[in-house]
Amino acid sequence: MKTLVESIAKALVDDPTQVHATETTEDDTLVISLTVAKEDMGRIIGKEGRTAKAVRTILNAVSTKDNKKATLKIVE
């Protein structure tokens, strides 16, 4: 799932070399932390958070299919 989030983020930003995602587990939930360049933060979040919400929806659909829970944290 980490690679899915990274590939989506790399397609959205101007500097794909600065996109990094890490996976950790907290209380039976997979937490994916996404880090991008400061200049690309607005592209990842989108107007009123729509892009971030869409990425979270895709992540939720994939994790539900695998009978898991996953969340996305966008780290500044």
N, C-alpha and C. Protein backbone atom coordinates (compact mmCIF):
# COMPACT_ATOMS: atom_id res chain seq x y z
N MET A 1 0.81 -1.18 0.00
CA MET A 1 0.00 0.00 0.00
C MET A 1 0.87 1.26 0.00
N LYS A 2 2.05 1.13 0.57
CA LYS A 2 2.99 2.25 0.57
C LYS A 2 3.35 2.64 -0.85
N THR A 3 3.56 1.66 -1.70
CA THR A 3 3.93 1.95 -3.09
C THR A 3 2.77 2.58 -3.85
N LEU A 4 1.56 2.22 -3.51
CA LEU A 4 0.38 2.82 -4.14
C LEU A 4 0.31 4.31 -3.82
N VAL A 5 0.47 4.66 -2.55
CA VAL A 5 0.41 6.06 -2.14
C VAL A 5 1.56 6.84 -2.76
N GLU A 6 2.76 6.24 -2.78
CA GLU A 6 3.92 6.92 -3.39
C GLU A 6 3.70 7.18 -4.87
N SER A 7 3.17 6.22 -5.59
CA SER A 7 2.98 6.39 -7.03
C SER A 7 1.92 7.45 -7.33
N ILE A 8 0.87 7.51 -6.53
CA ILE A 8 -0.15 8.55 -6.72
C ILE A 8 0.45 9.92 -6.43
N ALA A 9 1.20 10.02 -5.33
CA ALA A 9 1.79 11.30 -4.95
C ALA A 9 2.82 11.77 -5.98
N LYS A 10 3.63 10.85 -6.49
CA LYS A 10 4.64 11.23 -7.49
C LYS A 10 4.00 11.75 -8.77
N ALA A 11 2.82 11.27 -9.09
CA ALA A 11 2.12 11.75 -10.29
C ALA A 11 1.55 13.15 -10.09
N LEU A 12 1.35 13.55 -8.84
CA LEU A 12 0.73 14.84 -8.56
C LEU A 12 1.71 15.99 -8.36
N VAL A 13 2.92 15.70 -7.91
CA VAL A 13 3.85 16.76 -7.50
C VAL A 13 4.78 17.18 -8.64
N ASP A 14 5.44 18.34 -8.42
CA ASP A 14 6.44 18.81 -9.37
C ASP A 14 7.79 18.14 -9.18
N ASP A 15 8.12 17.78 -7.93
CA ASP A 15 9.41 17.17 -7.61
C ASP A 15 9.20 15.76 -7.03
N PRO A 16 9.08 14.75 -7.89
CA PRO A 16 8.80 13.40 -7.39
C PRO A 16 9.95 12.78 -6.58
N THR A 17 11.15 13.34 -6.67
CA THR A 17 12.26 12.78 -5.90
C THR A 17 12.11 13.05 -4.41
N GLN A 18 11.27 14.01 -4.03
CA GLN A 18 11.08 14.37 -2.63
C GLN A 18 9.91 13.62 -1.98
N VAL A 19 9.28 12.72 -2.71
CA VAL A 19 8.13 11.96 -2.18
C VAL A 19 8.65 10.72 -1.45
N HIS A 20 8.26 10.61 -0.18
CA HIS A 20 8.65 9.44 0.62
C HIS A 20 7.46 9.01 1.47
N ALA A 21 7.25 7.71 1.54
CA ALA A 21 6.18 7.17 2.37
C ALA A 21 6.76 6.09 3.28
N THR A 22 6.29 6.07 4.51
CA THR A 22 6.72 5.05 5.47
C THR A 22 5.49 4.40 6.07
N GLU A 23 5.63 3.12 6.42
CA GLU A 23 4.53 2.37 7.01
C GLU A 23 4.86 2.05 8.46
N THR A 24 3.90 2.28 9.33
CA THR A 24 3.99 1.86 10.72
C THR A 24 2.65 1.25 11.12
N THR A 25 2.64 0.53 12.21
CA THR A 25 1.41 -0.09 12.69
C THR A 25 1.07 0.45 14.07
N GLU A 26 -0.15 0.92 14.23
CA GLU A 26 -0.65 1.43 15.51
C GLU A 26 -2.01 0.79 15.79
N ASP A 27 -2.10 -0.01 16.82
CA ASP A 27 -3.36 -0.61 17.24
C ASP A 27 -4.11 -1.28 16.09
N ASP A 28 -3.50 -2.21 15.42
CA ASP A 28 -4.14 -2.97 14.33
C ASP A 28 -4.45 -2.12 13.10
N THR A 29 -3.88 -0.93 13.01
CA THR A 29 -4.11 -0.06 11.86
C THR A 29 -2.78 0.27 11.21
N LEU A 30 -2.72 0.12 9.90
CA LEU A 30 -1.54 0.47 9.15
C LEU A 30 -1.56 1.98 8.90
N VAL A 31 -0.53 2.67 9.35
CA VAL A 31 -0.44 4.12 9.18
C VAL A 31 0.63 4.42 8.14
N ILE A 32 0.24 5.08 7.07
CA ILE A 32 1.18 5.46 6.03
C ILE A 32 1.42 6.96 6.16
N SER A 33 2.67 7.32 6.43
CA SER A 33 3.06 8.72 6.56
C SER A 33 3.69 9.17 5.25
N LEU A 34 3.13 10.20 4.66
CA LEU A 34 3.59 10.70 3.36
C LEU A 34 4.29 12.03 3.56
N THR A 35 5.50 12.14 3.02
CA THR A 35 6.28 13.36 3.09
C THR A 35 6.58 13.83 1.67
N VAL A 36 6.31 15.09 1.40
CA VAL A 36 6.61 15.68 0.09
C VAL A 36 7.34 17.00 0.32
N ALA A 37 7.85 17.58 -0.77
CA ALA A 37 8.51 18.88 -0.68
C ALA A 37 7.51 19.93 -0.22
N LYS A 38 8.01 20.93 0.49
CA LYS A 38 7.13 21.97 1.03
C LYS A 38 6.34 22.66 -0.07
N GLU A 39 6.95 22.86 -1.24
CA GLU A 39 6.28 23.53 -2.35
C GLU A 39 5.13 22.70 -2.93
N ASP A 40 5.19 21.39 -2.75
CA ASP A 40 4.17 20.49 -3.32
C ASP A 40 3.07 20.13 -2.33
N MET A 41 3.13 20.68 -1.14
CA MET A 41 2.14 20.33 -0.12
C MET A 41 0.72 20.68 -0.58
N GLY A 42 0.55 21.81 -1.21
CA GLY A 42 -0.77 22.22 -1.68
C GLY A 42 -1.32 21.30 -2.76
N ARG A 43 -0.44 20.74 -3.57
CA ARG A 43 -0.89 19.82 -4.62
C ARG A 43 -1.38 18.50 -4.02
N ILE A 44 -0.76 18.06 -2.96
CA ILE A 44 -1.17 16.81 -2.31
C ILE A 44 -2.48 17.00 -1.54
N ILE A 45 -2.62 18.13 -0.87
CA ILE A 45 -3.83 18.38 -0.09
C ILE A 45 -4.99 18.77 -0.98
N GLY A 46 -4.76 19.65 -1.95
CA GLY A 46 -5.81 20.07 -2.87
C GLY A 46 -6.74 21.10 -2.26
N LYS A 47 -7.61 21.63 -3.09
CA LYS A 47 -8.58 22.62 -2.62
C LYS A 47 -9.53 21.97 -1.63
N GLU A 48 -9.61 22.59 -0.46
CA GLU A 48 -10.46 22.09 0.63
C GLU A 48 -10.17 20.64 0.99
N GLY A 49 -8.96 20.15 0.71
CA GLY A 49 -8.57 18.79 1.07
C GLY A 49 -9.12 17.71 0.17
N ARG A 50 -9.60 18.09 -1.00
CA ARG A 50 -10.24 17.10 -1.88
C ARG A 50 -9.27 16.05 -2.40
N THR A 51 -8.05 16.45 -2.75
CA THR A 51 -7.08 15.48 -3.26
C THR A 51 -6.68 14.50 -2.17
N ALA A 52 -6.41 15.02 -0.97
CA ALA A 52 -6.05 14.14 0.14
C ALA A 52 -7.18 13.19 0.47
N LYS A 53 -8.40 13.68 0.41
CA LYS A 53 -9.56 12.82 0.68
C LYS A 53 -9.68 11.72 -0.37
N ALA A 54 -9.41 12.06 -1.63
CA ALA A 54 -9.48 11.06 -2.70
C ALA A 54 -8.43 9.98 -2.51
N VAL A 55 -7.21 10.38 -2.14
CA VAL A 55 -6.15 9.40 -1.90
C VAL A 55 -6.52 8.51 -0.71
N ARG A 56 -7.09 9.10 0.32
CA ARG A 56 -7.52 8.31 1.48
C ARG A 56 -8.64 7.34 1.11
N THR A 57 -9.53 7.75 0.21
CA THR A 57 -10.61 6.87 -0.23
C THR A 57 -10.05 5.67 -0.98
N ILE A 58 -9.10 5.91 -1.86
CA ILE A 58 -8.46 4.81 -2.59
C ILE A 58 -7.75 3.87 -1.63
N LEU A 59 -7.01 4.44 -0.67
CA LEU A 59 -6.30 3.64 0.32
C LEU A 59 -7.28 2.82 1.15
N ASN A 60 -8.39 3.40 1.51
CA ASN A 60 -9.41 2.68 2.29
C ASN A 60 -10.01 1.53 1.48
N ALA A 61 -10.24 1.76 0.20
CA ALA A 61 -10.81 0.70 -0.65
C ALA A 61 -9.85 -0.48 -0.77
N VAL A 62 -8.58 -0.20 -0.96
CA VAL A 62 -7.58 -1.27 -1.10
C VAL A 62 -7.41 -2.01 0.22
N SER A 63 -7.35 -1.27 1.32
CA SER A 63 -7.16 -1.93 2.62
C SER A 63 -8.38 -2.76 3.02
N THR A 64 -9.57 -2.30 2.69
CA THR A 64 -10.79 -3.06 2.99
C THR A 64 -10.81 -4.36 2.21
N LYS A 65 -10.35 -4.30 0.98
CA LYS A 65 -10.28 -5.51 0.15
C LYS A 65 -9.37 -6.55 0.78
N ASP A 66 -8.30 -6.09 1.46
CA ASP A 66 -7.35 -6.98 2.13
C ASP A 66 -7.73 -7.25 3.59
N ASN A 67 -8.93 -6.85 4.00
CA ASN A 67 -9.41 -7.01 5.38
C ASN A 67 -8.47 -6.37 6.39
N LYS A 68 -8.01 -5.16 6.09
CA LYS A 68 -7.13 -4.41 6.99
C LYS A 68 -7.67 -3.01 7.16
N LYS A 69 -7.11 -2.29 8.11
CA LYS A 69 -7.42 -0.88 8.30
C LYS A 69 -6.16 -0.09 7.97
N ALA A 70 -6.33 1.02 7.25
CA ALA A 70 -5.19 1.85 6.90
C ALA A 70 -5.60 3.33 6.92
N THR A 71 -4.67 4.15 7.35
CA THR A 71 -4.88 5.60 7.34
C THR A 71 -3.68 6.28 6.70
N LEU A 72 -3.91 7.49 6.23
CA LEU A 72 -2.84 8.27 5.61
C LEU A 72 -2.61 9.53 6.42
N LYS A 73 -1.35 9.75 6.77
CA LYS A 73 -0.95 10.99 7.44
C LYS A 73 -0.03 11.74 6.49
N ILE A 74 -0.35 12.99 6.25
CA ILE A 74 0.50 13.82 5.41
C ILE A 74 1.36 14.67 6.34
N VAL A 75 2.66 14.41 6.30
CA VAL A 75 3.61 15.03 7.24
C VAL A 75 4.26 16.24 6.58
N GLU A 76 4.32 17.34 7.33
CA GLU A 76 4.97 18.54 6.81
C GLU A 76 6.45 18.48 7.04
